[in-house]
Amino acid sequence: MVDRTSQPIIEYWTAGNDIIVEGRWVWAPSSEEMEFKPWAPGEPNQNLNGIDDCAGLYNHQDFRMNDDNCDEPRYFICENE
């Protein structure tokens, strides 16, 4: 069994966002609809007055996604072809 209370919280940005159309989650920069959306329970929830427009992954949520304010500092994930 893993003790998650002793692990540091690590948060990553993905390229997912709903900046253009609220509730329509797409990948930047292609604007392709996100088909795979492993949201954490209760997410996306637009917590901060509707400005939670970017999708992040969080280790304390079993690497499920959460919507958050795009200005929050996070690590990021890069895609390489």
C-alpha atoms as a PDB file:
ATOM      1  CA  MET A   1       0.000   0.000   0.000  1.00  0.00           C
ATOM      2  CA  VAL A   2       1.310   3.459  -0.925  1.00  0.00           C
ATOM      3  CA  ASP A   3       1.151   6.243   1.648  1.00  0.00           C
ATOM      4  CA  ARG A   4       0.058   9.209  -0.469  1.00  0.00           C
ATOM      5  CA  THR A   5       0.113  11.600   2.481  1.00  0.00           C
ATOM      6  CA  SER A   6       3.916  11.555   2.528  1.00  0.00           C
ATOM      7  CA  GLN A   7       4.345  12.132  -1.208  1.00  0.00           C
ATOM      8  CA  PRO A   8       4.898  15.662  -2.527  1.00  0.00           C
ATOM      9  CA  ILE A   9       2.116  16.998  -4.727  1.00  0.00           C
ATOM     10  CA  ILE A  10       3.306  17.239  -8.314  1.00  0.00           C
ATOM     11  CA  GLU A  11       1.144  19.001 -10.879  1.00  0.00           C
ATOM     12  CA  TYR A  12       1.577  19.073 -14.652  1.00  0.00           C
ATOM     13  CA  TRP A  13      -0.075  21.065 -17.415  1.00  0.00           C
ATOM     14  CA  THR A  14      -1.347  19.259 -20.480  1.00  0.00           C
ATOM     15  CA  ALA A  15      -2.252  20.973 -23.765  1.00  0.00           C
ATOM     16  CA  GLY A  16      -5.968  20.535 -23.012  1.00  0.00           C
ATOM     17  CA  ASN A  17      -8.126  23.630 -22.595  1.00  0.00           C
ATOM     18  CA  ASP A  18     -11.601  25.109 -23.028  1.00  0.00           C
ATOM     19  CA  ILE A  19     -10.438  28.705 -23.482  1.00  0.00           C
ATOM     20  CA  ILE A  20     -12.338  29.374 -26.739  1.00  0.00           C
ATOM     21  CA  VAL A  21     -15.651  27.616 -25.974  1.00  0.00           C
ATOM     22  CA  GLU A  22     -16.540  26.934 -22.349  1.00  0.00           C
ATOM     23  CA  GLY A  23     -17.021  23.194 -21.813  1.00  0.00           C
ATOM     24  CA  ARG A  24     -15.523  22.198 -25.192  1.00  0.00           C
ATOM     25  CA  TRP A  25     -12.172  20.663 -24.288  1.00  0.00           C
ATOM     26  CA  VAL A  26      -9.607  20.659 -27.087  1.00  0.00           C
ATOM     27  CA  TRP A  27      -5.878  20.064 -27.500  1.00  0.00           C
ATOM     28  CA  ALA A  28      -3.657  23.071 -28.275  1.00  0.00           C
ATOM     29  CA  PRO A  29      -2.492  24.080 -30.773  1.00  0.00           C
ATOM     30  CA  SER A  30      -4.517  21.823 -33.105  1.00  0.00           C
ATOM     31  CA  SER A  31      -7.950  22.541 -31.541  1.00  0.00           C
ATOM     32  CA  GLU A  32      -8.779  18.830 -31.940  1.00  0.00           C
ATOM     33  CA  GLU A  33     -11.521  17.712 -29.571  1.00  0.00           C
ATOM     34  CA  MET A  34     -10.173  15.863 -26.552  1.00  0.00           C
ATOM     35  CA  GLU A  35     -11.516  12.318 -26.853  1.00  0.00           C
ATOM     36  CA  PHE A  36      -9.573  10.914 -23.896  1.00  0.00           C
ATOM     37  CA  LYS A  37     -10.542  12.863 -20.780  1.00  0.00           C
ATOM     38  CA  PRO A  38      -9.543  11.078 -17.570  1.00  0.00           C
ATOM     39  CA  TRP A  39     -11.089  13.662 -15.239  1.00  0.00           C
ATOM     40  CA  ALA A  40     -10.813  13.284 -11.481  1.00  0.00           C
ATOM     41  CA  PRO A  41     -14.165  12.847  -9.700  1.00  0.00           C
ATOM     42  CA  GLY A  42     -16.123  16.119  -9.757  1.00  0.00           C
ATOM     43  CA  GLU A  43     -14.013  17.632 -12.541  1.00  0.00           C
ATOM     44  CA  PRO A  44     -14.102  19.758 -14.569  1.00  0.00           C
ATOM     45  CA  ASN A  45     -15.809  22.102 -12.162  1.00  0.00           C
ATOM     46  CA  GLN A  46     -14.906  25.674 -13.262  1.00  0.00           C
ATOM     47  CA  ASN A  47     -14.065  26.490  -9.660  1.00  0.00           C
ATOM     48  CA  LEU A  48     -12.718  30.043  -9.932  1.00  0.00           C
ATOM     49  CA  ASN A  49     -15.637  31.961 -11.441  1.00  0.00           C
ATOM     50  CA  GLY A  50     -15.324  30.179 -14.772  1.00  0.00           C
ATOM     51  CA  ILE A  51     -11.623  30.816 -15.337  1.00  0.00           C
ATOM     52  CA  ASP A  52     -10.451  27.230 -14.853  1.00  0.00           C
ATOM     53  CA  ASP A  53      -9.732  26.788 -18.555  1.00  0.00           C
ATOM     54  CA  CYS A  54      -6.635  24.547 -18.615  1.00  0.00           C
ATOM     55  CA  ALA A  55      -6.350  20.810 -17.939  1.00  0.00           C
ATOM     56  CA  GLY A  56      -3.691  19.525 -15.579  1.00  0.00           C
ATOM     57  CA  LEU A  57      -2.627  16.123 -14.275  1.00  0.00           C
ATOM     58  CA  TYR A  58      -2.044  15.651 -10.563  1.00  0.00           C
ATOM     59  CA  ASN A  59      -0.225  12.805  -8.829  1.00  0.00           C
ATOM     60  CA  HIS A  60      -2.416  13.117  -5.721  1.00  0.00           C
ATOM     61  CA  GLN A  61      -5.456  12.360  -7.909  1.00  0.00           C
ATOM     62  CA  ASP A  62      -3.919   9.218  -9.448  1.00  0.00           C
ATOM     63  CA  PHE A  63      -2.831  11.350 -12.422  1.00  0.00           C
ATOM     64  CA  ARG A  64      -6.388  12.197 -13.350  1.00  0.00           C
ATOM     65  CA  MET A  65      -7.199  15.580 -14.827  1.00  0.00           C
ATOM     66  CA  ASN A  66      -8.429  18.700 -13.101  1.00  0.00           C
ATOM     67  CA  ASP A  67      -9.400  22.027 -14.650  1.00  0.00           C
ATOM     68  CA  ASP A  68      -7.484  24.947 -13.219  1.00  0.00           C
ATOM     69  CA  ASN A  69      -6.561  28.575 -13.802  1.00  0.00           C
ATOM     70  CA  CYS A  70      -4.059  28.664 -16.695  1.00  0.00           C
ATOM     71  CA  ASP A  71      -1.875  31.169 -14.826  1.00  0.00           C
ATOM     72  CA  GLU A  72      -1.030  28.734 -12.025  1.00  0.00           C
ATOM     73  CA  PRO A  73       2.621  27.585 -12.030  1.00  0.00           C
ATOM     74  CA  ARG A  74       2.936  23.906 -12.964  1.00  0.00           C
ATOM     75  CA  TYR A  75       5.381  21.530 -14.584  1.00  0.00           C
ATOM     76  CA  PHE A  76       4.524  20.799 -18.188  1.00  0.00           C
ATOM     77  CA  ILE A  77       4.421  17.782 -20.489  1.00  0.00           C
ATOM     78  CA  CYS A  78       5.883  18.045 -23.984  1.00  0.00           C
ATOM     79  CA  GLU A  79       4.955  15.999 -27.033  1.00  0.00           C
ATOM     80  CA  ASN A  80       7.681  14.972 -29.443  1.00  0.00           C
ATOM     81  CA  GLU A  81       7.095  13.503 -32.877  1.00  0.00           C
END
